Amino acid sequence: MEYNLRTRIKELRQERGLTQKQLAEAIKVSVNTISSWELNRSIPTISKIRDMAIFFDVRANYILGLDNRMR
């Protein structure tokens, strides 16, 4: 499987049993924003990638699909 930004976001969310709404609330964006990221219609800002990295306790490069090391 090719790991890219959209697949990593969805994978991290689903592994933790979160809905798009729960993730959206946690990082202060709309549900539509999460959906757009996961459908590859838009990309998160650097600050939102940072927020997700902190929330999921993983490296930002992991979320970006640039690194397979989570921490």
PDB file of N, CA and C in Angstrom:
ATOM      1  N   MET A   1       0.845  -1.190   0.000  1.00  0.00           N
ATOM      2  CA  MET A   1       0.000   0.000   0.000  1.00  0.00           C
ATOM      3  C   MET A   1       0.882   1.241   0.000  1.00  0.00           C
ATOM      4  N   GLU A   2       0.543   2.177  -0.836  1.00  0.00           N
ATOM      5  CA  GLU A   2       1.259   3.440  -0.861  1.00  0.00           C
ATOM      6  C   GLU A   2       0.746   4.312   0.285  1.00  0.00           C
ATOM      7  N   TYR A   3       1.686   4.787   1.070  1.00  0.00           N
ATOM      8  CA  TYR A   3       1.294   5.648   2.183  1.00  0.00           C
ATOM      9  C   TYR A   3       1.528   7.093   1.810  1.00  0.00           C
ATOM     10  N   ASN A   4       0.460   7.838   1.829  1.00  0.00           N
ATOM     11  CA  ASN A   4       0.546   9.260   1.587  1.00  0.00           C
ATOM     12  C   ASN A   4      -0.274   9.966   2.651  1.00  0.00           C
ATOM     13  N   LEU A   5      -0.338  11.235   2.552  1.00  0.00           N
ATOM     14  CA  LEU A   5      -1.008  12.039   3.572  1.00  0.00           C
ATOM     15  C   LEU A   5      -2.432  11.570   3.849  1.00  0.00           C
ATOM     16  N   ARG A   6      -3.219  11.405   2.805  1.00  0.00           N
ATOM     17  CA  ARG A   6      -4.630  11.048   3.031  1.00  0.00           C
ATOM     18  C   ARG A   6      -4.787   9.666   3.646  1.00  0.00           C
ATOM     19  N   THR A   7      -3.964   8.714   3.219  1.00  0.00           N
ATOM     20  CA  THR A   7      -4.092   7.371   3.787  1.00  0.00           C
ATOM     21  C   THR A   7      -3.608   7.331   5.226  1.00  0.00           C
ATOM     22  N   ARG A   8      -2.580   8.100   5.535  1.00  0.00           N
ATOM     23  CA  ARG A   8      -2.077   8.120   6.918  1.00  0.00           C
ATOM     24  C   ARG A   8      -3.094   8.749   7.866  1.00  0.00           C
ATOM     25  N   ILE A   9      -3.717   9.830   7.455  1.00  0.00           N
ATOM     26  CA  ILE A   9      -4.717  10.471   8.321  1.00  0.00           C
ATOM     27  C   ILE A   9      -5.854   9.497   8.600  1.00  0.00           C
ATOM     28  N   LYS A  10      -6.373   8.887   7.556  1.00  0.00           N
ATOM     29  CA  LYS A  10      -7.490   7.952   7.721  1.00  0.00           C
ATOM     30  C   LYS A  10      -7.077   6.745   8.551  1.00  0.00           C
ATOM     31  N   GLU A  11      -5.899   6.218   8.284  1.00  0.00           N
ATOM     32  CA  GLU A  11      -5.413   5.059   9.024  1.00  0.00           C
ATOM     33  C   GLU A  11      -5.255   5.377  10.512  1.00  0.00           C
ATOM     34  N   LEU A  12      -4.629   6.481  10.829  1.00  0.00           N
ATOM     35  CA  LEU A  12      -4.452   6.866  12.229  1.00  0.00           C
ATOM     36  C   LEU A  12      -5.789   7.070  12.923  1.00  0.00           C
ATOM     37  N   ARG A  13      -6.705   7.706  12.244  1.00  0.00           N
ATOM     38  CA  ARG A  13      -8.036   7.949  12.808  1.00  0.00           C
ATOM     39  C   ARG A  13      -8.760   6.642  13.080  1.00  0.00           C
ATOM     40  N   GLN A  14      -8.760   5.749  12.096  1.00  0.00           N
ATOM     41  CA  GLN A  14      -9.485   4.491  12.235  1.00  0.00           C
ATOM     42  C   GLN A  14      -8.832   3.559  13.253  1.00  0.00           C
ATOM     43  N   GLU A  15      -7.501   3.541  13.308  1.00  0.00           N
ATOM     44  CA  GLU A  15      -6.806   2.707  14.286  1.00  0.00           C
ATOM     45  C   GLU A  15      -7.188   3.074  15.714  1.00  0.00           C
ATOM     46  N   ARG A  16      -7.511   4.321  15.925  1.00  0.00           N
ATOM     47  CA  ARG A  16      -7.890   4.785  17.262  1.00  0.00           C
ATOM     48  C   ARG A  16      -9.395   4.789  17.477  1.00  0.00           C
ATOM     49  N   GLY A  17     -10.121   4.301  16.488  1.00  0.00           N
ATOM     50  CA  GLY A  17     -11.570   4.180  16.605  1.00  0.00           C
ATOM     51  C   GLY A  17     -12.291   5.513  16.628  1.00  0.00           C
ATOM     52  N   LEU A  18     -11.722   6.485  15.943  1.00  0.00           N
ATOM     53  CA  LEU A  18     -12.316   7.817  15.926  1.00  0.00           C
ATOM     54  C   LEU A  18     -13.147   8.042  14.672  1.00  0.00           C
ATOM     55  N   THR A  19     -14.207   8.788  14.824  1.00  0.00           N
ATOM     56  CA  THR A  19     -14.969   9.234  13.671  1.00  0.00           C
ATOM     57  C   THR A  19     -14.293  10.485  13.115  1.00  0.00           C
ATOM     58  N   GLN A  20     -14.692  10.861  11.924  1.00  0.00           N
ATOM     59  CA  GLN A  20     -14.178  12.112  11.368  1.00  0.00           C
ATOM     60  C   GLN A  20     -14.570  13.279  12.263  1.00  0.00           C
ATOM     61  N   LYS A  21     -15.760  13.223  12.810  1.00  0.00           N
ATOM     62  CA  LYS A  21     -16.236  14.288  13.688  1.00  0.00           C
ATOM     63  C   LYS A  21     -15.365  14.403  14.935  1.00  0.00           C
ATOM     64  N   GLN A  22     -15.017  13.277  15.530  1.00  0.00           N
ATOM     65  CA  GLN A  22     -14.188  13.303  16.737  1.00  0.00           C
ATOM     66  C   GLN A  22     -12.802  13.892  16.453  1.00  0.00           C
ATOM     67  N   LEU A  23     -12.216  13.500  15.334  1.00  0.00           N
ATOM     68  CA  LEU A  23     -10.917  14.059  14.974  1.00  0.00           C
ATOM     69  C   LEU A  23     -11.051  15.552  14.691  1.00  0.00           C
ATOM     70  N   ALA A  24     -12.078  15.923  13.977  1.00  0.00           N
ATOM     71  CA  ALA A  24     -12.309  17.335  13.661  1.00  0.00           C
ATOM     72  C   ALA A  24     -12.402  18.172  14.933  1.00  0.00           C
ATOM     73  N   GLU A  25     -13.151  17.684  15.895  1.00  0.00           N
ATOM     74  CA  GLU A  25     -13.288  18.406  17.160  1.00  0.00           C
ATOM     75  C   GLU A  25     -11.957  18.495  17.893  1.00  0.00           C
ATOM     76  N   ALA A  26     -11.183  17.429  17.854  1.00  0.00           N
ATOM     77  CA  ALA A  26      -9.905  17.393  18.574  1.00  0.00           C
ATOM     78  C   ALA A  26      -8.896  18.393  18.027  1.00  0.00           C
ATOM     79  N   ILE A  27      -8.903  18.594  16.712  1.00  0.00           N
ATOM     80  CA  ILE A  27      -7.912  19.514  16.127  1.00  0.00           C
ATOM     81  C   ILE A  27      -8.544  20.812  15.619  1.00  0.00           C
ATOM     82  N   LYS A  28      -9.799  21.001  15.973  1.00  0.00           N
ATOM     83  CA  LYS A  28     -10.508  22.264  15.705  1.00  0.00           C
ATOM     84  C   LYS A  28     -10.619  22.613  14.223  1.00  0.00           C
ATOM     85  N   VAL A  29     -11.184  21.664  13.476  1.00  0.00           N
ATOM     86  CA  VAL A  29     -11.556  21.898  12.083  1.00  0.00           C
ATOM     87  C   VAL A  29     -12.951  21.324  11.875  1.00  0.00           C
ATOM     88  N   SER A  30     -13.517  21.521  10.707  1.00  0.00           N
ATOM     89  CA  SER A  30     -14.848  20.974  10.432  1.00  0.00           C
ATOM     90  C   SER A  30     -14.744  19.516   9.971  1.00  0.00           C
ATOM     91  N   VAL A  31     -15.846  18.819  10.075  1.00  0.00           N
ATOM     92  CA  VAL A  31     -15.913  17.440   9.575  1.00  0.00           C
ATOM     93  C   VAL A  31     -15.653  17.428   8.071  1.00  0.00           C
ATOM     94  N   ASN A  32     -16.171  18.431   7.368  1.00  0.00           N
ATOM     95  CA  ASN A  32     -15.938  18.516   5.925  1.00  0.00           C
ATOM     96  C   ASN A  32     -14.455  18.646   5.595  1.00  0.00           C
ATOM     97  N   THR A  33     -13.714  19.308   6.460  1.00  0.00           N
ATOM     98  CA  THR A  33     -12.271  19.450   6.249  1.00  0.00           C
ATOM     99  C   THR A  33     -11.583  18.094   6.351  1.00  0.00           C
ATOM    100  N   ILE A  34     -11.924  17.328   7.373  1.00  0.00           N
ATOM    101  CA  ILE A  34     -11.333  15.985   7.530  1.00  0.00           C
ATOM    102  C   ILE A  34     -11.684  15.136   6.312  1.00  0.00           C
ATOM    103  N   SER A  35     -12.936  15.178   5.908  1.00  0.00           N
ATOM    104  CA  SER A  35     -13.367  14.420   4.744  1.00  0.00           C
ATOM    105  C   SER A  35     -12.587  14.826   3.497  1.00  0.00           C
ATOM    106  N   SER A  36     -12.406  16.118   3.308  1.00  0.00           N
ATOM    107  CA  SER A  36     -11.650  16.604   2.143  1.00  0.00           C
ATOM    108  C   SER A  36     -10.212  16.118   2.160  1.00  0.00           C
ATOM    109  N   TRP A  37      -9.592  16.095   3.334  1.00  0.00           N
ATOM    110  CA  TRP A  37      -8.226  15.585   3.445  1.00  0.00           C
ATOM    111  C   TRP A  37      -8.171  14.106   3.077  1.00  0.00           C
ATOM    112  N   GLU A  38      -9.118  13.344   3.624  1.00  0.00           N
ATOM    113  CA  GLU A  38      -9.113  11.896   3.389  1.00  0.00           C
ATOM    114  C   GLU A  38      -9.474  11.539   1.949  1.00  0.00           C
ATOM    115  N   LEU A  39     -10.193  12.401   1.272  1.00  0.00           N
ATOM    116  CA  LEU A  39     -10.538  12.172  -0.127  1.00  0.00           C
ATOM    117  C   LEU A  39      -9.541  12.817  -1.084  1.00  0.00           C
ATOM    118  N   ASN A  40      -8.511  13.420  -0.519  1.00  0.00           N
ATOM    119  CA  ASN A  40      -7.450  14.059  -1.302  1.00  0.00           C
ATOM    120  C   ASN A  40      -7.962  15.248  -2.115  1.00  0.00           C
ATOM    121  N   ARG A  41      -8.975  15.918  -1.598  1.00  0.00           N
ATOM    122  CA  ARG A  41      -9.513  17.111  -2.259  1.00  0.00           C
ATOM    123  C   ARG A  41      -8.823  18.382  -1.790  1.00  0.00           C
ATOM    124  N   SER A  42      -8.226  18.308  -0.617  1.00  0.00           N
ATOM    125  CA  SER A  42      -7.451  19.432  -0.085  1.00  0.00           C
ATOM    126  C   SER A  42      -6.399  18.853   0.850  1.00  0.00           C
ATOM    127  N   ILE A  43      -5.485  19.708   1.275  1.00  0.00           N
ATOM    128  CA  ILE A  43      -4.430  19.250   2.183  1.00  0.00           C
ATOM    129  C   ILE A  43      -4.410  20.135   3.423  1.00  0.00           C
ATOM    130  N   PRO A  44      -4.023  19.547   4.547  1.00  0.00           N
ATOM    131  CA  PRO A  44      -3.980  20.348   5.775  1.00  0.00           C
ATOM    132  C   PRO A  44      -2.815  21.336   5.757  1.00  0.00           C
ATOM    133  N   THR A  45      -2.979  22.393   6.512  1.00  0.00           N
ATOM    134  CA  THR A  45      -1.889  23.351   6.692  1.00  0.00           C
ATOM    135  C   THR A  45      -0.814  22.711   7.562  1.00  0.00           C
ATOM    136  N   ILE A  46       0.343  23.319   7.554  1.00  0.00           N
ATOM    137  CA  ILE A  46       1.437  22.835   8.404  1.00  0.00           C
ATOM    138  C   ILE A  46       1.007  22.815   9.868  1.00  0.00           C
ATOM    139  N   SER A  47       0.285  23.826  10.299  1.00  0.00           N
ATOM    140  CA  SER A  47      -0.136  23.867  11.704  1.00  0.00           C
ATOM    141  C   SER A  47      -1.105  22.737  12.033  1.00  0.00           C
ATOM    142  N   LYS A  48      -1.944  22.350  11.093  1.00  0.00           N
ATOM    143  CA  LYS A  48      -2.874  21.236  11.348  1.00  0.00           C
ATOM    144  C   LYS A  48      -2.148  19.887  11.297  1.00  0.00           C
ATOM    145  N   ILE A  49      -1.122  19.775  10.462  1.00  0.00           N
ATOM    146  CA  ILE A  49      -0.306  18.559  10.466  1.00  0.00           C
ATOM    147  C   ILE A  49       0.375  18.437  11.827  1.00  0.00           C
ATOM    148  N   ARG A  50       0.877  19.556  12.327  1.00  0.00           N
ATOM    149  CA  ARG A  50       1.496  19.572  13.659  1.00  0.00           C
ATOM    150  C   ARG A  50       0.474  19.173  14.724  1.00  0.00           C
ATOM    151  N   ASP A  51      -0.733  19.737  14.658  1.00  0.00           N
ATOM    152  CA  ASP A  51      -1.781  19.391  15.623  1.00  0.00           C
ATOM    153  C   ASP A  51      -2.086  17.893  15.593  1.00  0.00           C
ATOM    154  N   MET A  52      -2.166  17.322  14.398  1.00  0.00           N
ATOM    155  CA  MET A  52      -2.430  15.881  14.293  1.00  0.00           C
ATOM    156  C   MET A  52      -1.267  15.062  14.832  1.00  0.00           C
ATOM    157  N   ALA A  53      -0.053  15.493  14.561  1.00  0.00           N
ATOM    158  CA  ALA A  53       1.119  14.775  15.065  1.00  0.00           C
ATOM    159  C   ALA A  53       1.099  14.736  16.588  1.00  0.00           C
ATOM    160  N   ILE A  54       0.771  15.862  17.201  1.00  0.00           N
ATOM    161  CA  ILE A  54       0.674  15.913  18.658  1.00  0.00           C
ATOM    162  C   ILE A  54      -0.486  15.044  19.143  1.00  0.00           C
ATOM    163  N   PHE A  55      -1.631  15.189  18.518  1.00  0.00           N
ATOM    164  CA  PHE A  55      -2.817  14.435  18.929  1.00  0.00           C
ATOM    165  C   PHE A  55      -2.598  12.928  18.824  1.00  0.00           C
ATOM    166  N   PHE A  56      -2.018  12.472  17.718  1.00  0.00           N
ATOM    167  CA  PHE A  56      -1.803  11.046  17.501  1.00  0.00           C
ATOM    168  C   PHE A  56      -0.484  10.543  18.102  1.00  0.00           C
ATOM    169  N   ASP A  57       0.346  11.465  18.592  1.00  0.00           N
ATOM    170  CA  ASP A  57       1.654  11.139  19.161  1.00  0.00           C
ATOM    171  C   ASP A  57       2.535  10.416  18.141  1.00  0.00           C
ATOM    172  N   VAL A  58       2.631  11.008  16.970  1.00  0.00           N
ATOM    173  CA  VAL A  58       3.483  10.483  15.900  1.00  0.00           C
ATOM    174  C   VAL A  58       4.283  11.631  15.301  1.00  0.00           C
ATOM    175  N   ARG A  59       5.264  11.284  14.495  1.00  0.00           N
ATOM    176  CA  ARG A  59       6.070  12.289  13.806  1.00  0.00           C
ATOM    177  C   ARG A  59       5.269  12.910  12.655  1.00  0.00           C
ATOM    178  N   ALA A  60       5.481  14.188  12.415  1.00  0.00           N
ATOM    179  CA  ALA A  60       4.809  14.853  11.289  1.00  0.00           C
ATOM    180  C   ALA A  60       5.186  14.176   9.976  1.00  0.00           C
ATOM    181  N   ASN A  61       6.431  13.769   9.834  1.00  0.00           N
ATOM    182  CA  ASN A  61       6.851  13.085   8.606  1.00  0.00           C
ATOM    183  C   ASN A  61       6.126  11.767   8.409  1.00  0.00           C
ATOM    184  N   TYR A  62       5.727  11.127   9.495  1.00  0.00           N
ATOM    185  CA  TYR A  62       4.936   9.905   9.390  1.00  0.00           C
ATOM    186  C   TYR A  62       3.568  10.225   8.775  1.00  0.00           C
ATOM    187  N   ILE A  63       2.932  11.263   9.268  1.00  0.00           N
ATOM    188  CA  ILE A  63       1.641  11.662   8.725  1.00  0.00           C
ATOM    189  C   ILE A  63       1.755  12.019   7.247  1.00  0.00           C
ATOM    190  N   LEU A  64       2.833  12.659   6.882  1.00  0.00           N
ATOM    191  CA  LEU A  64       3.045  13.066   5.504  1.00  0.00           C
ATOM    192  C   LEU A  64       3.394  11.891   4.585  1.00  0.00           C
ATOM    193  N   GLY A  65       3.656  10.732   5.160  1.00  0.00           N
ATOM    194  CA  GLY A  65       4.021   9.572   4.367  1.00  0.00           C
ATOM    195  C   GLY A  65       5.472   9.583   3.919  1.00  0.00           C
ATOM    196  N   LEU A  66       6.292  10.430   4.561  1.00  0.00           N
ATOM    197  CA  LEU A  66       7.694  10.560   4.192  1.00  0.00           C
ATOM    198  C   LEU A  66       8.603   9.637   5.008  1.00  0.00           C
ATOM    199  N   ASP A  67       8.057   9.087   6.066  1.00  0.00           N
ATOM    200  CA  ASP A  67       8.850   8.288   6.990  1.00  0.00           C
ATOM    201  C   ASP A  67       7.948   7.199   7.572  1.00  0.00           C
ATOM    202  N   ASN A  68       8.463   6.008   7.697  1.00  0.00           N
ATOM    203  CA  ASN A  68       7.670   4.919   8.284  1.00  0.00           C
ATOM    204  C   ASN A  68       7.830   4.813   9.784  1.00  0.00           C
ATOM    205  N   ARG A  69       8.719   5.633  10.349  1.00  0.00           N
ATOM    206  CA  ARG A  69       8.883   5.630  11.814  1.00  0.00           C
ATOM    207  C   ARG A  69       7.821   6.538  12.417  1.00  0.00           C
ATOM    208  N   MET A  70       7.063   5.974  13.317  1.00  0.00           N
ATOM    209  CA  MET A  70       5.998   6.766  13.950  1.00  0.00           C
ATOM    210  C   MET A  70       6.555   7.763  14.942  1.00  0.00           C
ATOM    211  N   ARG A  71       7.603   7.392  15.642  1.00  0.00           N
ATOM    212  CA  ARG A  71       8.164   8.276  16.698  1.00  0.00           C
ATOM    213  C   ARG A  71       9.640   8.442  16.509  1.00  0.00           C
TER     214      ARG A  71
END
